[in-house]
Amino acid sequence: MARWYIIHAYSGFENKVKEAIIAEAERMGLSQLVEDIQVPSETVTEVKRGKKVQVERKTMPGYVLAKLGLNDDVYHLVKNTPKVSGFLGVNGKPQAISETEASRYFGAAEAAAAEPRKQVSVDYEIGDSVKVLEGPFASFNGIVEELDFDKSRVKVSVSIFGRATPVELDFEHVELSK
């Protein structure tokens, strides 16, 4: 019976590890024992240089979840895969996780896939000097006063006729001053 295991991989190589295990399992004729391999990730929106960009971000960097019918051959296949440190477990022995625990990692990923999260990251923060890109204040410089991630808005203090005036703009309408 196949159970879920957590494999510790080098950070940044999770997808390569997944592909290598699948390819090696096929080569060795063990495909039926390697049921599923997942790299838990989510899609988030980031603002880079004034543009909204969809980015795939790993929710468990350095780890890969695999549903395996674990025997000696499968254990050695995974252990000898390049960029794999080993299984998560006690005293070097692989520790299976429950179906419920595994679905918790995928439930979040499935929910994010069904409705991309409204999480946005920006390359400026409160107190930074920014330049307005669009709208009536285009080319004005100002200081970031507030960031509202729920509404994807930023409040910038712009100097108009020598007076600081707060202006509320979309995240993508400002960029970090150089």
Protein backbone atom coordinates (compact mmCIF):
# COMPACT_ATOMS: atom_id res chain seq x y z
CA MET A 1 0.00 0.00 0.00
CA ALA A 2 1.36 3.41 -0.99
CA ARG A 3 1.75 6.08 1.69
CA TRP A 4 2.87 9.70 1.65
CA TYR A 5 6.46 10.52 2.57
CA ILE A 6 8.31 13.81 2.77
CA ILE A 7 11.62 13.88 0.90
CA HIS A 8 14.24 16.46 1.85
CA ALA A 9 15.77 17.95 -1.32
CA TYR A 10 18.24 20.76 -1.95
CA SER A 11 16.35 24.05 -1.97
CA GLY A 12 15.66 25.21 -5.50
CA PHE A 13 15.96 21.69 -6.96
CA GLU A 14 12.55 20.35 -5.90
CA ASN A 15 11.16 20.05 -9.45
CA LYS A 16 14.37 18.45 -10.76
CA VAL A 17 14.22 15.89 -7.94
CA LYS A 18 10.58 15.12 -8.81
CA GLU A 19 11.44 14.60 -12.50
CA ALA A 20 14.56 12.53 -11.67
CA ILE A 21 12.63 10.17 -9.36
CA ILE A 22 9.88 9.65 -11.95
CA ALA A 23 12.41 9.03 -14.75
CA GLU A 24 14.50 6.63 -12.66
CA ALA A 25 11.38 4.74 -11.49
CA GLU A 26 10.35 4.22 -15.12
CA ARG A 27 13.86 3.10 -16.06
CA MET A 28 13.97 0.58 -13.21
CA GLY A 29 10.39 -0.64 -13.77
CA LEU A 30 9.16 0.69 -10.41
CA SER A 31 6.57 3.15 -11.77
CA GLN A 32 3.69 1.28 -10.11
CA LEU A 33 5.30 1.89 -6.69
CA VAL A 34 5.80 5.63 -7.29
CA GLU A 35 2.16 6.72 -7.43
CA ASP A 36 2.46 10.50 -7.11
CA ILE A 37 5.10 13.15 -6.46
CA GLN A 38 4.19 16.74 -5.65
CA VAL A 39 6.07 19.97 -5.00
CA PRO A 40 3.64 22.00 -2.85
CA SER A 41 3.38 25.50 -4.28
CA GLU A 42 0.97 28.41 -4.67
CA THR A 43 0.43 31.18 -7.19
CA VAL A 44 0.83 34.71 -5.85
CA THR A 45 0.71 38.12 -7.48
CA GLU A 46 3.77 40.32 -7.13
CA VAL A 47 4.36 43.85 -8.33
CA LYS A 48 7.69 44.21 -10.14
CA ARG A 49 8.65 47.48 -11.80
CA GLY A 50 5.06 48.67 -11.76
CA LYS A 51 3.59 45.51 -13.34
CA LYS A 52 1.51 42.78 -11.70
CA VAL A 53 3.12 39.38 -12.26
CA GLN A 54 1.80 35.89 -11.37
CA VAL A 55 4.57 33.94 -9.64
CA GLU A 56 4.65 30.29 -8.56
CA ARG A 57 6.05 30.11 -5.01
CA LYS A 58 6.88 26.93 -3.12
CA THR A 59 5.01 26.55 0.17
CA MET A 60 7.57 24.03 1.49
CA PRO A 61 10.98 24.99 0.04
CA GLY A 62 13.42 22.09 0.21
CA TYR A 63 10.75 19.40 0.46
CA VAL A 64 8.95 17.12 -1.99
CA LEU A 65 5.90 14.98 -1.12
CA ALA A 66 5.80 11.50 -2.62
CA LYS A 67 3.20 8.76 -2.47
CA LEU A 68 5.30 5.61 -2.52
CA GLY A 69 4.88 1.90 -2.09
CA LEU A 70 8.08 1.89 -0.08
CA ASN A 71 10.34 -1.15 -0.33
CA ASP A 72 14.14 -1.45 -0.44
CA ASP A 73 14.32 -0.71 -4.19
CA VAL A 74 12.18 2.43 -3.96
CA TYR A 75 14.03 3.57 -0.83
CA HIS A 76 17.40 3.31 -2.59
CA LEU A 77 16.02 4.88 -5.77
CA VAL A 78 14.97 8.00 -3.81
CA LYS A 79 18.04 8.03 -1.53
CA ASN A 80 20.43 7.84 -4.51
CA THR A 81 18.67 10.55 -6.52
CA PRO A 82 20.95 13.57 -7.03
CA LYS A 83 20.08 16.59 -4.84
CA VAL A 84 18.18 14.45 -2.29
CA SER A 85 19.32 14.61 1.35
CA GLY A 86 16.99 11.85 2.48
CA PHE A 87 13.56 11.18 3.94
CA LEU A 88 12.00 13.09 6.79
CA GLY A 89 11.82 10.71 9.73
CA VAL A 90 13.38 9.48 12.95
CA ASN A 91 16.88 7.95 13.05
CA GLY A 92 17.14 7.98 9.26
CA LYS A 93 14.01 5.84 8.84
CA PRO A 94 11.31 7.28 6.56
CA GLN A 95 8.26 8.43 8.52
CA ALA A 96 4.98 8.23 6.58
CA ILE A 97 2.46 11.03 7.01
CA SER A 98 -1.29 10.51 7.06
CA GLU A 99 -3.51 11.06 4.03
CA THR A 100 -5.17 13.91 5.99
CA GLU A 101 -1.86 15.66 6.61
CA ALA A 102 -0.84 15.28 2.96
CA SER A 103 -4.20 16.64 1.79
CA ARG A 104 -3.66 19.66 4.04
CA TYR A 105 -0.66 20.64 1.91
CA PHE A 106 -2.55 19.99 -1.32
CA GLY A 107 -5.83 21.47 -0.07
CA ALA A 108 -4.13 24.83 0.26
CA ALA A 109 -2.56 24.42 -3.18
CA GLU A 110 -5.89 23.40 -4.75
CA ALA A 111 -7.69 26.33 -3.12
CA ALA A 112 -4.99 28.68 -4.41
CA ALA A 113 -5.27 27.18 -7.89
CA ALA A 114 -9.06 27.52 -7.88
CA GLU A 115 -8.83 31.13 -6.72
CA PRO A 116 -5.39 32.75 -6.84
CA ARG A 117 -4.55 34.36 -3.52
CA LYS A 118 -4.72 38.11 -3.29
CA GLN A 119 -1.24 38.17 -1.81
CA VAL A 120 0.89 40.84 -3.42
CA SER A 121 4.49 41.73 -2.74
CA VAL A 122 6.02 45.04 -3.73
CA ASP A 123 9.64 46.12 -4.06
CA TYR A 124 9.20 49.24 -1.88
CA GLU A 125 8.15 49.83 1.73
CA ILE A 126 6.98 52.60 4.05
CA GLY A 127 9.46 55.48 4.05
CA ASP A 128 10.91 54.69 0.61
CA SER A 129 11.11 57.34 -2.10
CA VAL A 130 8.98 56.39 -5.13
CA LYS A 131 8.11 57.82 -8.54
CA VAL A 132 4.50 57.98 -9.75
CA LEU A 133 4.16 56.34 -13.18
CA GLU A 134 0.54 57.04 -14.20
CA GLY A 135 -2.35 59.37 -13.58
CA PRO A 136 -2.46 63.13 -12.89
CA PHE A 137 0.66 62.90 -10.69
CA ALA A 138 2.79 61.04 -13.27
CA SER A 139 6.53 61.79 -12.89
CA PHE A 140 6.04 63.23 -9.38
CA ASN A 141 8.26 61.83 -6.64
CA GLY A 142 6.96 61.07 -3.17
CA ILE A 143 7.40 59.11 0.03
CA VAL A 144 5.41 55.93 0.79
CA GLU A 145 3.21 56.50 3.86
CA GLU A 146 0.92 53.44 3.82
CA LEU A 147 0.57 50.08 2.07
CA ASP A 148 -2.89 48.45 1.83
CA PHE A 149 -2.39 44.88 0.58
CA ASP A 150 -6.10 44.06 0.76
CA LYS A 151 -6.94 46.76 -1.80
CA SER A 152 -3.56 46.73 -3.60
CA ARG A 153 -3.20 50.45 -2.91
CA VAL A 154 -0.36 52.65 -1.69
CA LYS A 155 -0.60 56.08 -0.05
CA VAL A 156 2.18 58.38 -1.22
CA SER A 157 2.99 61.84 0.13
CA VAL A 158 3.62 64.03 -2.94
CA SER A 159 4.87 67.62 -2.78
CA ILE A 160 2.45 69.90 -4.66
CA PHE A 161 3.20 73.66 -4.59
CA GLY A 162 5.55 73.08 -1.65
CA ARG A 163 2.96 71.21 0.47
CA ALA A 164 2.97 67.49 1.20
CA THR A 165 -0.26 66.01 -0.16
CA PRO A 166 -1.27 62.37 0.42
CA VAL A 167 -2.26 60.56 -2.80
CA GLU A 168 -3.70 57.02 -2.96
CA LEU A 169 -2.58 54.95 -5.96
CA ASP A 170 -2.56 51.35 -7.19
CA PHE A 171 0.63 49.37 -6.44
CA GLU A 172 1.52 49.17 -10.14
CA HIS A 173 1.28 52.98 -10.58
CA VAL A 174 4.44 53.65 -8.56
CA GLU A 175 8.00 52.37 -8.64
CA LEU A 176 11.04 52.70 -6.42
CA SER A 177 13.02 55.87 -7.24
CA LYS A 178 16.52 55.31 -8.46
